[in-house]
PDB file of all heavy atoms in Angstrom:
ATOM      1  N   PHE A   1       0.923  -1.209   0.049  1.00  0.00           N
ATOM      2  CA  PHE A   1       0.008   0.002   0.034  1.00  0.00           C
ATOM      3  C   PHE A   1       0.962   1.235  -0.017  1.00  0.00           C
ATOM      4  O   PHE A   1       0.900   2.053   1.044  1.00  0.00           O
ATOM      5  CB  PHE A   1      -0.919  -0.026   1.309  1.00  0.00           C
ATOM      6  CG  PHE A   1      -1.732  -1.241   1.345  1.00  0.00           C
ATOM      7  CD1 PHE A   1      -1.248  -2.301   2.205  1.00  0.00           C
ATOM      8  CD2 PHE A   1      -2.945  -1.389   0.619  1.00  0.00           C
ATOM      9  CE1 PHE A   1      -1.981  -3.502   2.316  1.00  0.00           C
ATOM     10  CE2 PHE A   1      -3.653  -2.557   0.818  1.00  0.00           C
ATOM     11  CZ  PHE A   1      -3.084  -3.640   1.592  1.00  0.00           C
ATOM     12  N   PRO A   2       1.523   1.484  -1.171  1.00  0.00           N
ATOM     13  CA  PRO A   2       2.543   2.604  -1.164  1.00  0.00           C
ATOM     14  C   PRO A   2       1.937   4.071  -1.036  1.00  0.00           C
ATOM     15  O   PRO A   2       2.618   4.935  -0.492  1.00  0.00           O
ATOM     16  CB  PRO A   2       3.206   2.463  -2.456  1.00  0.00           C
ATOM     17  CG  PRO A   2       2.237   1.711  -3.333  1.00  0.00           C
ATOM     18  CD  PRO A   2       1.479   0.735  -2.361  1.00  0.00           C
ATOM     19  N   GLU A   3       0.701   4.201  -1.319  1.00  0.00           N
ATOM     20  CA  GLU A   3       0.060   5.561  -1.280  1.00  0.00           C
ATOM     21  C   GLU A   3      -0.722   5.807  -0.053  1.00  0.00           C
ATOM     22  O   GLU A   3      -1.084   6.915   0.196  1.00  0.00           O
ATOM     23  CB  GLU A   3      -0.760   5.683  -2.460  1.00  0.00           C
ATOM     24  CG  GLU A   3      -0.051   5.443  -3.793  1.00  0.00           C
ATOM     25  CD  GLU A   3       1.117   6.504  -3.892  1.00  0.00           C
ATOM     26  OE1 GLU A   3       0.835   7.731  -3.628  1.00  0.00           O
ATOM     27  OE2 GLU A   3       2.101   6.156  -4.480  1.00  0.00           O
ATOM     28  N   ILE A   4      -1.053   4.746   0.755  1.00  0.00           N
ATOM     29  CA  ILE A   4      -1.945   5.103   2.008  1.00  0.00           C
ATOM     30  C   ILE A   4      -1.132   5.968   2.990  1.00  0.00           C
ATOM     31  O   ILE A   4       0.007   5.759   3.293  1.00  0.00           O
ATOM     32  CB  ILE A   4      -2.363   3.785   2.602  1.00  0.00           C
ATOM     33  CG1 ILE A   4      -3.575   4.002   3.446  1.00  0.00           C
ATOM     34  CG2 ILE A   4      -1.354   3.066   3.309  1.00  0.00           C
ATOM     35  CD1 ILE A   4      -4.354   2.889   3.880  1.00  0.00           C
ATOM     36  N   PRO A   5      -1.808   7.042   3.448  1.00  0.00           N
ATOM     37  CA  PRO A   5      -1.289   7.794   4.561  1.00  0.00           C
ATOM     38  C   PRO A   5      -0.902   7.024   5.764  1.00  0.00           C
ATOM     39  O   PRO A   5      -1.785   6.283   6.256  1.00  0.00           O
ATOM     40  CB  PRO A   5      -2.334   8.895   4.813  1.00  0.00           C
ATOM     41  CG  PRO A   5      -3.200   8.948   3.562  1.00  0.00           C
ATOM     42  CD  PRO A   5      -3.170   7.469   3.012  1.00  0.00           C
ATOM     43  N   LEU A   6       0.235   7.046   6.262  1.00  0.00           N
ATOM     44  CA  LEU A   6       0.672   6.183   7.351  1.00  0.00           C
ATOM     45  C   LEU A   6       1.408   7.065   8.428  1.00  0.00           C
ATOM     46  O   LEU A   6       2.331   7.692   8.093  1.00  0.00           O
ATOM     47  CB  LEU A   6       1.681   5.083   6.838  1.00  0.00           C
ATOM     48  CG  LEU A   6       2.240   4.168   7.692  1.00  0.00           C
ATOM     49  CD1 LEU A   6       1.157   3.329   8.397  1.00  0.00           C
ATOM     50  CD2 LEU A   6       3.229   3.211   7.054  1.00  0.00           C
ATOM     51  N   TYR A   7       0.866   7.038   9.640  1.00  0.00           N
ATOM     52  CA  TYR A   7       1.355   7.752  10.721  1.00  0.00           C
ATOM     53  C   TYR A   7       1.786   6.937  11.856  1.00  0.00           C
ATOM     54  O   TYR A   7       1.136   6.059  12.240  1.00  0.00           O
ATOM     55  CB  TYR A   7       0.270   8.834  11.199  1.00  0.00           C
ATOM     56  CG  TYR A   7       0.158  10.041  10.232  1.00  0.00           C
ATOM     57  CD1 TYR A   7      -0.675   9.797   9.075  1.00  0.00           C
ATOM     58  CD2 TYR A   7       0.824  11.158  10.410  1.00  0.00           C
ATOM     59  CE1 TYR A   7      -0.846  10.825   8.128  1.00  0.00           C
ATOM     60  CE2 TYR A   7       0.581  12.236   9.352  1.00  0.00           C
ATOM     61  CZ  TYR A   7      -0.171  12.052   8.206  1.00  0.00           C
ATOM     62  OH  TYR A   7      -0.348  12.976   7.455  1.00  0.00           O
ATOM     63  N   SER A   8       2.910   7.248  12.446  1.00  0.00           N
ATOM     64  CA  SER A   8       3.404   6.588  13.731  1.00  0.00           C
ATOM     65  C   SER A   8       2.717   7.260  14.940  1.00  0.00           C
ATOM     66  O   SER A   8       2.668   8.465  15.023  1.00  0.00           O
ATOM     67  CB  SER A   8       4.742   6.725  13.823  1.00  0.00           C
ATOM     68  OG  SER A   8       5.301   6.103  15.045  1.00  0.00           O
ATOM     69  N   LEU A   9       2.310   6.436  15.907  1.00  0.00           N
ATOM     70  CA  LEU A   9       1.997   6.745  17.181  1.00  0.00           C
ATOM     71  C   LEU A   9       3.069   6.476  18.042  1.00  0.00           C
ATOM     72  O   LEU A   9       3.450   5.298  18.240  1.00  0.00           O
ATOM     73  CB  LEU A   9       0.646   6.088  17.654  1.00  0.00           C
ATOM     74  CG  LEU A   9      -0.668   6.360  16.918  1.00  0.00           C
ATOM     75  CD1 LEU A   9      -1.651   5.410  17.221  1.00  0.00           C
ATOM     76  CD2 LEU A   9      -0.971   7.650  16.744  1.00  0.00           C
ATOM     77  N   THR A  10       3.720   7.519  18.591  1.00  0.00           N
ATOM     78  CA  THR A  10       5.054   7.165  19.280  1.00  0.00           C
ATOM     79  C   THR A  10       5.244   7.949  20.530  1.00  0.00           C
ATOM     80  O   THR A  10       4.581   9.039  20.741  1.00  0.00           O
ATOM     81  CB  THR A  10       6.295   7.656  18.260  1.00  0.00           C
ATOM     82  OG1 THR A  10       7.527   7.259  18.764  1.00  0.00           O
ATOM     83  CG2 THR A  10       6.139   9.194  17.998  1.00  0.00           C
ATOM     84  N   THR A  11       6.191   7.452  21.374  1.00  0.00           N
ATOM     85  CA  THR A  11       6.596   8.290  22.469  1.00  0.00           C
ATOM     86  C   THR A  11       7.918   8.899  22.316  1.00  0.00           C
ATOM     87  O   THR A  11       8.626   9.485  23.182  1.00  0.00           O
ATOM     88  CB  THR A  11       6.689   7.307  23.742  1.00  0.00           C
ATOM     89  OG1 THR A  11       7.619   6.279  23.497  1.00  0.00           O
ATOM     90  CG2 THR A  11       5.391   6.839  24.114  1.00  0.00           C
ATOM     91  N   ASN A  12       8.550   8.692  21.066  1.00  0.00           N
ATOM     92  CA  ASN A  12       9.786   9.105  20.745  1.00  0.00           C
ATOM     93  C   ASN A  12       9.772  10.707  20.717  1.00  0.00           C
ATOM     94  O   ASN A  12       9.063  11.452  20.199  1.00  0.00           O
ATOM     95  CB  ASN A  12      10.174   8.783  19.244  1.00  0.00           C
ATOM     96  CG  ASN A  12      11.549   9.073  18.768  1.00  0.00           C
ATOM     97  OD1 ASN A  12      12.104  10.107  19.331  1.00  0.00           O
ATOM     98  ND2 ASN A  12      12.005   8.476  17.860  1.00  0.00           N
ATOM     99  N   THR A  13      10.596  11.265  21.538  1.00  0.00           N
ATOM    100  CA  THR A  13      10.829  12.697  21.715  1.00  0.00           C
ATOM    101  C   THR A  13      12.154  13.303  21.106  1.00  0.00           C
ATOM    102  O   THR A  13      12.533  14.280  21.532  1.00  0.00           O
ATOM    103  CB  THR A  13      10.716  13.060  23.190  1.00  0.00           C
ATOM    104  OG1 THR A  13      11.874  12.434  23.875  1.00  0.00           O
ATOM    105  CG2 THR A  13       9.441  12.640  23.872  1.00  0.00           C
ATOM    106  N   ALA A  14      12.686  12.489  20.224  1.00  0.00           N
ATOM    107  CA  ALA A  14      13.915  13.027  19.641  1.00  0.00           C
ATOM    108  C   ALA A  14      13.645  14.320  18.898  1.00  0.00           C
ATOM    109  O   ALA A  14      12.701  14.591  18.372  1.00  0.00           O
ATOM    110  CB  ALA A  14      14.464  11.986  18.578  1.00  0.00           C
ATOM    111  N   ILE A  15      14.627  15.186  18.835  1.00  0.00           N
ATOM    112  CA  ILE A  15      14.522  16.480  18.210  1.00  0.00           C
ATOM    113  C   ILE A  15      14.230  16.401  16.755  1.00  0.00           C
ATOM    114  O   ILE A  15      13.389  17.051  16.111  1.00  0.00           O
ATOM    115  CB  ILE A  15      15.792  17.336  18.433  1.00  0.00           C
ATOM    116  CG1 ILE A  15      16.008  17.549  19.886  1.00  0.00           C
ATOM    117  CG2 ILE A  15      15.780  18.562  17.578  1.00  0.00           C
ATOM    118  CD1 ILE A  15      17.279  18.255  20.303  1.00  0.00           C
ATOM    119  N   GLU A  16      14.783  15.535  15.955  1.00  0.00           N
ATOM    120  CA  GLU A  16      14.671  15.533  14.548  1.00  0.00           C
ATOM    121  C   GLU A  16      13.476  14.341  14.038  1.00  0.00           C
ATOM    122  O   GLU A  16      13.765  13.709  13.167  1.00  0.00           O
ATOM    123  CB  GLU A  16      15.889  15.062  13.837  1.00  0.00           C
ATOM    124  CG  GLU A  16      17.120  16.004  14.098  1.00  0.00           C
ATOM    125  CD  GLU A  16      16.877  17.263  13.588  1.00  0.00           C
ATOM    126  OE1 GLU A  16      16.255  17.424  12.481  1.00  0.00           O
ATOM    127  OE2 GLU A  16      17.349  18.438  14.177  1.00  0.00           O
ATOM    128  N   ARG A  17      12.481  14.372  14.876  1.00  0.00           N
ATOM    129  CA  ARG A  17      11.379  13.396  14.612  1.00  0.00           C
ATOM    130  C   ARG A  17      10.923  13.358  13.162  1.00  0.00           C
ATOM    131  O   ARG A  17      10.583  12.425  12.622  1.00  0.00           O
ATOM    132  CB  ARG A  17      10.213  13.523  15.499  1.00  0.00           C
ATOM    133  CG  ARG A  17      10.519  13.197  16.778  1.00  0.00           C
ATOM    134  CD  ARG A  17       9.239  13.229  17.739  1.00  0.00           C
ATOM    135  NE  ARG A  17       9.068  14.702  17.962  1.00  0.00           N
ATOM    136  CZ  ARG A  17       8.447  15.212  19.138  1.00  0.00           C
ATOM    137  NH1 ARG A  17       7.869  14.405  19.908  1.00  0.00           N
ATOM    138  NH2 ARG A  17       8.268  16.398  19.413  1.00  0.00           N
ATOM    139  N   ASP A  18      10.519  14.667  12.579  1.00  0.00           N
ATOM    140  CA  ASP A  18      10.006  14.711  11.251  1.00  0.00           C
ATOM    141  C   ASP A  18      10.865  13.974  10.216  1.00  0.00           C
ATOM    142  O   ASP A  18      10.262  13.201   9.506  1.00  0.00           O
ATOM    143  CB  ASP A  18       9.871  16.238  10.699  1.00  0.00           C
ATOM    144  CG  ASP A  18       8.756  16.882  11.423  1.00  0.00           C
ATOM    145  OD1 ASP A  18       7.810  16.333  11.948  1.00  0.00           O
ATOM    146  OD2 ASP A  18       8.769  18.139  11.621  1.00  0.00           O
ATOM    147  N   GLU A  19      12.123  14.305  10.275  1.00  0.00           N
ATOM    148  CA  GLU A  19      12.965  13.668   9.275  1.00  0.00           C
ATOM    149  C   GLU A  19      13.174  12.149   9.497  1.00  0.00           C
ATOM    150  O   GLU A  19      13.172  11.453   8.493  1.00  0.00           O
ATOM    151  CB  GLU A  19      14.416  14.322   9.449  1.00  0.00           C
ATOM    152  CG  GLU A  19      14.348  15.736   8.879  1.00  0.00           C
ATOM    153  CD  GLU A  19      15.833  16.413   9.074  1.00  0.00           C
ATOM    154  OE1 GLU A  19      16.741  15.755   9.080  1.00  0.00           O
ATOM    155  OE2 GLU A  19      15.754  17.564   9.061  1.00  0.00           O
ATOM    156  N   TYR A  20      13.148  11.740  10.820  1.00  0.00           N
ATOM    157  CA  TYR A  20      13.337  10.277  11.275  1.00  0.00           C
ATOM    158  C   TYR A  20      12.090   9.564  10.739  1.00  0.00           C
ATOM    159  O   TYR A  20      12.303   8.486  10.037  1.00  0.00           O
ATOM    160  CB  TYR A  20      13.443  10.287  12.725  1.00  0.00           C
ATOM    161  CG  TYR A  20      13.455   8.866  13.274  1.00  0.00           C
ATOM    162  CD1 TYR A  20      14.524   7.979  13.049  1.00  0.00           C
ATOM    163  CD2 TYR A  20      12.297   8.371  13.867  1.00  0.00           C
ATOM    164  CE1 TYR A  20      14.485   6.707  13.467  1.00  0.00           C
ATOM    165  CE2 TYR A  20      12.298   7.027  14.401  1.00  0.00           C
ATOM    166  CZ  TYR A  20      13.217   6.283  14.124  1.00  0.00           C
ATOM    167  OH  TYR A  20      13.367   4.925  14.635  1.00  0.00           O
ATOM    168  N   PHE A  21      10.892   9.919  10.979  1.00  0.00           N
ATOM    169  CA  PHE A  21       9.813   9.134  10.595  1.00  0.00           C
ATOM    170  C   PHE A  21       9.455   9.288   9.161  1.00  0.00           C
ATOM    171  O   PHE A  21       9.170   8.187   8.615  1.00  0.00           O
ATOM    172  CB  PHE A  21       8.496   9.625  11.458  1.00  0.00           C
ATOM    173  CG  PHE A  21       8.523   9.091  12.883  1.00  0.00           C
ATOM    174  CD1 PHE A  21       8.664  10.114  13.889  1.00  0.00           C
ATOM    175  CD2 PHE A  21       8.348   7.912  13.025  1.00  0.00           C
ATOM    176  CE1 PHE A  21       8.818   9.613  15.084  1.00  0.00           C
ATOM    177  CE2 PHE A  21       8.409   7.407  14.422  1.00  0.00           C
ATOM    178  CZ  PHE A  21       8.620   8.314  15.469  1.00  0.00           C
ATOM    179  N   LYS A  22       9.706  10.292   8.469  1.00  0.00           N
ATOM    180  CA  LYS A  22       9.635  10.301   7.094  1.00  0.00           C
ATOM    181  C   LYS A  22      10.758   9.456   6.324  1.00  0.00           C
ATOM    182  O   LYS A  22      10.331   8.824   5.366  1.00  0.00           O
ATOM    183  CB  LYS A  22       9.693  11.788   6.434  1.00  0.00           C
ATOM    184  CG  LYS A  22       8.384  12.486   6.867  1.00  0.00           C
ATOM    185  CD  LYS A  22       8.238  13.844   6.268  1.00  0.00           C
ATOM    186  CE  LYS A  22       6.895  14.394   6.779  1.00  0.00           C
ATOM    187  NZ  LYS A  22       6.702  15.793   6.309  1.00  0.00           N
ATOM    188  N   SER A  23      11.846   9.453   6.804  1.00  0.00           N
ATOM    189  CA  SER A  23      12.880   8.539   6.371  1.00  0.00           C
ATOM    190  C   SER A  23      12.528   7.006   6.410  1.00  0.00           C
ATOM    191  O   SER A  23      12.908   6.247   5.648  1.00  0.00           O
ATOM    192  CB  SER A  23      14.263   8.753   6.903  1.00  0.00           C
ATOM    193  OG  SER A  23      14.361   8.345   8.271  1.00  0.00           O
ATOM    194  N   MET A  24      11.703   6.655   7.421  1.00  0.00           N
ATOM    195  CA  MET A  24      11.249   5.306   7.659  1.00  0.00           C
ATOM    196  C   MET A  24       9.957   4.991   6.834  1.00  0.00           C
ATOM    197  O   MET A  24       9.664   3.811   6.685  1.00  0.00           O
ATOM    198  CB  MET A  24      10.861   5.231   9.262  1.00  0.00           C
ATOM    199  CG  MET A  24      12.038   5.128  10.091  1.00  0.00           C
ATOM    200  SD  MET A  24      11.620   4.945  11.810  1.00  0.00           S
ATOM    201  CE  MET A  24      10.446   3.548  11.724  1.00  0.00           C
ATOM    202  N   GLY A  25       9.400   5.960   6.158  1.00  0.00           N
ATOM    203  CA  GLY A  25       8.354   5.771   5.286  1.00  0.00           C
ATOM    204  C   GLY A  25       6.909   6.228   5.647  1.00  0.00           C
ATOM    205  O   GLY A  25       5.889   5.979   5.043  1.00  0.00           O
ATOM    206  N   TYR A  26       7.002   6.760   6.885  1.00  0.00           N
ATOM    207  CA  TYR A  26       5.810   7.362   7.475  1.00  0.00           C
ATOM    208  C   TYR A  26       5.592   8.750   6.699  1.00  0.00           C
ATOM    209  O   TYR A  26       6.381   9.345   6.265  1.00  0.00           O
ATOM    210  CB  TYR A  26       5.870   7.729   8.996  1.00  0.00           C
ATOM    211  CG  TYR A  26       5.880   6.374   9.732  1.00  0.00           C
ATOM    212  CD1 TYR A  26       7.032   5.918  10.360  1.00  0.00           C
ATOM    213  CD2 TYR A  26       4.723   5.703  10.101  1.00  0.00           C
ATOM    214  CE1 TYR A  26       7.092   4.826  11.139  1.00  0.00           C
ATOM    215  CE2 TYR A  26       4.709   4.616  10.995  1.00  0.00           C
ATOM    216  CZ  TYR A  26       6.026   4.218  11.558  1.00  0.00           C
ATOM    217  OH  TYR A  26       5.895   3.030  12.411  1.00  0.00           O
ATOM    218  N   ASN A  27       4.138   9.117   6.763  1.00  0.00           N
ATOM    219  CA  ASN A  27       3.837  10.474   6.266  1.00  0.00           C
ATOM    220  C   ASN A  27       4.109  11.502   7.415  1.00  0.00           C
ATOM    221  O   ASN A  27       4.341  12.754   7.260  1.00  0.00           O
ATOM    222  CB  ASN A  27       2.453  10.633   5.866  1.00  0.00           C
ATOM    223  CG  ASN A  27       2.175   9.743   4.601  1.00  0.00           C
ATOM    224  OD1 ASN A  27       2.005   8.618   4.746  1.00  0.00           O
ATOM    225  ND2 ASN A  27       1.919  10.414   3.551  1.00  0.00           N
ATOM    226  N   GLY A  28       4.093  11.085   8.602  1.00  0.00           N
ATOM    227  CA  GLY A  28       4.197  11.834   9.847  1.00  0.00           C
ATOM    228  C   GLY A  28       4.142  10.914  11.107  1.00  0.00           C
ATOM    229  O   GLY A  28       4.068   9.764  11.059  1.00  0.00           O
ATOM    230  N   TYR A  29       3.843  11.623  12.216  1.00  0.00           N
ATOM    231  CA  TYR A  29       3.749  10.989  13.457  1.00  0.00           C
ATOM    232  C   TYR A  29       2.772  11.802  14.471  1.00  0.00           C
ATOM    233  O   TYR A  29       2.571  13.059  14.283  1.00  0.00           O
ATOM    234  CB  TYR A  29       5.100  10.858  14.226  1.00  0.00           C
ATOM    235  CG  TYR A  29       5.753  12.193  14.466  1.00  0.00           C
ATOM    236  CD1 TYR A  29       5.508  12.684  15.805  1.00  0.00           C
ATOM    237  CD2 TYR A  29       6.368  12.708  13.616  1.00  0.00           C
ATOM    238  CE1 TYR A  29       6.019  13.932  16.042  1.00  0.00           C
ATOM    239  CE2 TYR A  29       6.998  14.204  13.931  1.00  0.00           C
ATOM    240  CZ  TYR A  29       6.798  14.748  15.134  1.00  0.00           C
ATOM    241  OH  TYR A  29       7.301  15.841  15.518  1.00  0.00           O
ATOM    242  N   LEU A  30       2.287  11.135  15.483  1.00  0.00           N
ATOM    243  CA  LEU A  30       1.529  11.808  16.540  1.00  0.00           C
ATOM    244  C   LEU A  30       2.187  11.271  17.770  1.00  0.00           C
ATOM    245  O   LEU A  30       2.474  10.076  18.059  1.00  0.00           O
ATOM    246  CB  LEU A  30       0.110  11.586  16.560  1.00  0.00           C
ATOM    247  CG  LEU A  30      -0.619  12.117  15.328  1.00  0.00           C
ATOM    248  CD1 LEU A  30      -2.067  11.482  15.286  1.00  0.00           C
ATOM    249  CD2 LEU A  30      -0.707  13.570  15.314  1.00  0.00           C
ATOM    250  N   VAL A  31       2.484  12.214  18.713  1.00  0.00           N
ATOM    251  CA  VAL A  31       3.241  11.786  19.978  1.00  0.00           C
ATOM    252  C   VAL A  31       2.037  11.435  21.150  1.00  0.00           C
ATOM    253  O   VAL A  31       1.049  11.923  21.124  1.00  0.00           O
ATOM    254  CB  VAL A  31       3.932  12.954  20.545  1.00  0.00           C
ATOM    255  CG1 VAL A  31       4.589  12.709  22.011  1.00  0.00           C
ATOM    256  CG2 VAL A  31       5.098  13.277  19.654  1.00  0.00           C
ATOM    257  N   LYS A  32       2.368  10.320  21.759  1.00  0.00           N
ATOM    258  CA  LYS A  32       1.437   9.731  22.711  1.00  0.00           C
ATOM    259  C   LYS A  32       1.857  10.380  24.021  1.00  0.00           C
ATOM    260  O   LYS A  32       2.922  10.627  24.517  1.00  0.00           O
ATOM    261  CB  LYS A  32       1.471   8.203  22.901  1.00  0.00           C
ATOM    262  CG  LYS A  32       1.299   7.450  21.696  1.00  0.00           C
ATOM    263  CD  LYS A  32       1.171   5.972  21.876  1.00  0.00           C
ATOM    264  CE  LYS A  32       2.614   5.442  21.912  1.00  0.00           C
ATOM    265  NZ  LYS A  32       2.685   4.067  21.913  1.00  0.00           N
ATOM    266  N   PRO A  33       0.834  10.848  24.857  1.00  0.00           N
ATOM    267  CA  PRO A  33      -0.574  10.633  24.584  1.00  0.00           C
ATOM    268  C   PRO A  33      -1.026  11.582  23.476  1.00  0.00           C
ATOM    269  O   PRO A  33      -0.631  12.746  23.394  1.00  0.00           O
ATOM    270  CB  PRO A  33      -1.357  10.966  25.891  1.00  0.00           C
ATOM    271  CG  PRO A  33      -0.277  11.853  26.609  1.00  0.00           C
ATOM    272  CD  PRO A  33       1.076  11.381  26.180  1.00  0.00           C
ATOM    273  N   VAL A  34      -1.825  11.141  22.497  1.00  0.00           N
ATOM    274  CA  VAL A  34      -2.228  11.867  21.342  1.00  0.00           C
ATOM    275  C   VAL A  34      -3.228  12.989  21.802  1.00  0.00           C
ATOM    276  O   VAL A  34      -4.205  12.785  22.380  1.00  0.00           O
ATOM    277  CB  VAL A  34      -2.913  10.817  20.309  1.00  0.00           C
ATOM    278  CG1 VAL A  34      -3.399  11.661  19.163  1.00  0.00           C
ATOM    279  CG2 VAL A  34      -1.914   9.784  19.963  1.00  0.00           C
ATOM    280  N   ASP A  35      -2.850  14.217  21.279  1.00  0.00           N
ATOM    281  CA  ASP A  35      -3.671  15.349  21.271  1.00  0.00           C
ATOM    282  C   ASP A  35      -4.917  15.087  20.394  1.00  0.00           C
ATOM    283  O   ASP A  35      -4.775  14.956  19.166  1.00  0.00           O
ATOM    284  CB  ASP A  35      -2.837  16.537  20.855  1.00  0.00           C
ATOM    285  CG  ASP A  35      -3.619  17.974  20.840  1.00  0.00           C
ATOM    286  OD1 ASP A  35      -4.933  17.953  20.639  1.00  0.00           O
ATOM    287  OD2 ASP A  35      -2.945  18.901  20.978  1.00  0.00           O
ATOM    288  N   PRO A  36      -6.107  15.210  20.985  1.00  0.00           N
ATOM    289  CA  PRO A  36      -7.277  14.962  20.060  1.00  0.00           C
ATOM    290  C   PRO A  36      -7.429  15.994  18.889  1.00  0.00           C
ATOM    291  O   PRO A  36      -7.939  15.491  17.782  1.00  0.00           O
ATOM    292  CB  PRO A  36      -8.531  15.037  21.030  1.00  0.00           C
ATOM    293  CG  PRO A  36      -7.976  14.981  22.498  1.00  0.00           C
ATOM    294  CD  PRO A  36      -6.429  15.372  22.243  1.00  0.00           C
TER     295      PRO A  36
END
């Protein structure tokens, strides 16, 4: 499913999160606990 939007739910608080998750193939991420 190469085109499906894919987001990580994570506790990762690394400074370079955007680049990290996009390099893994995610479209982005949401930090847990997730802001509604």
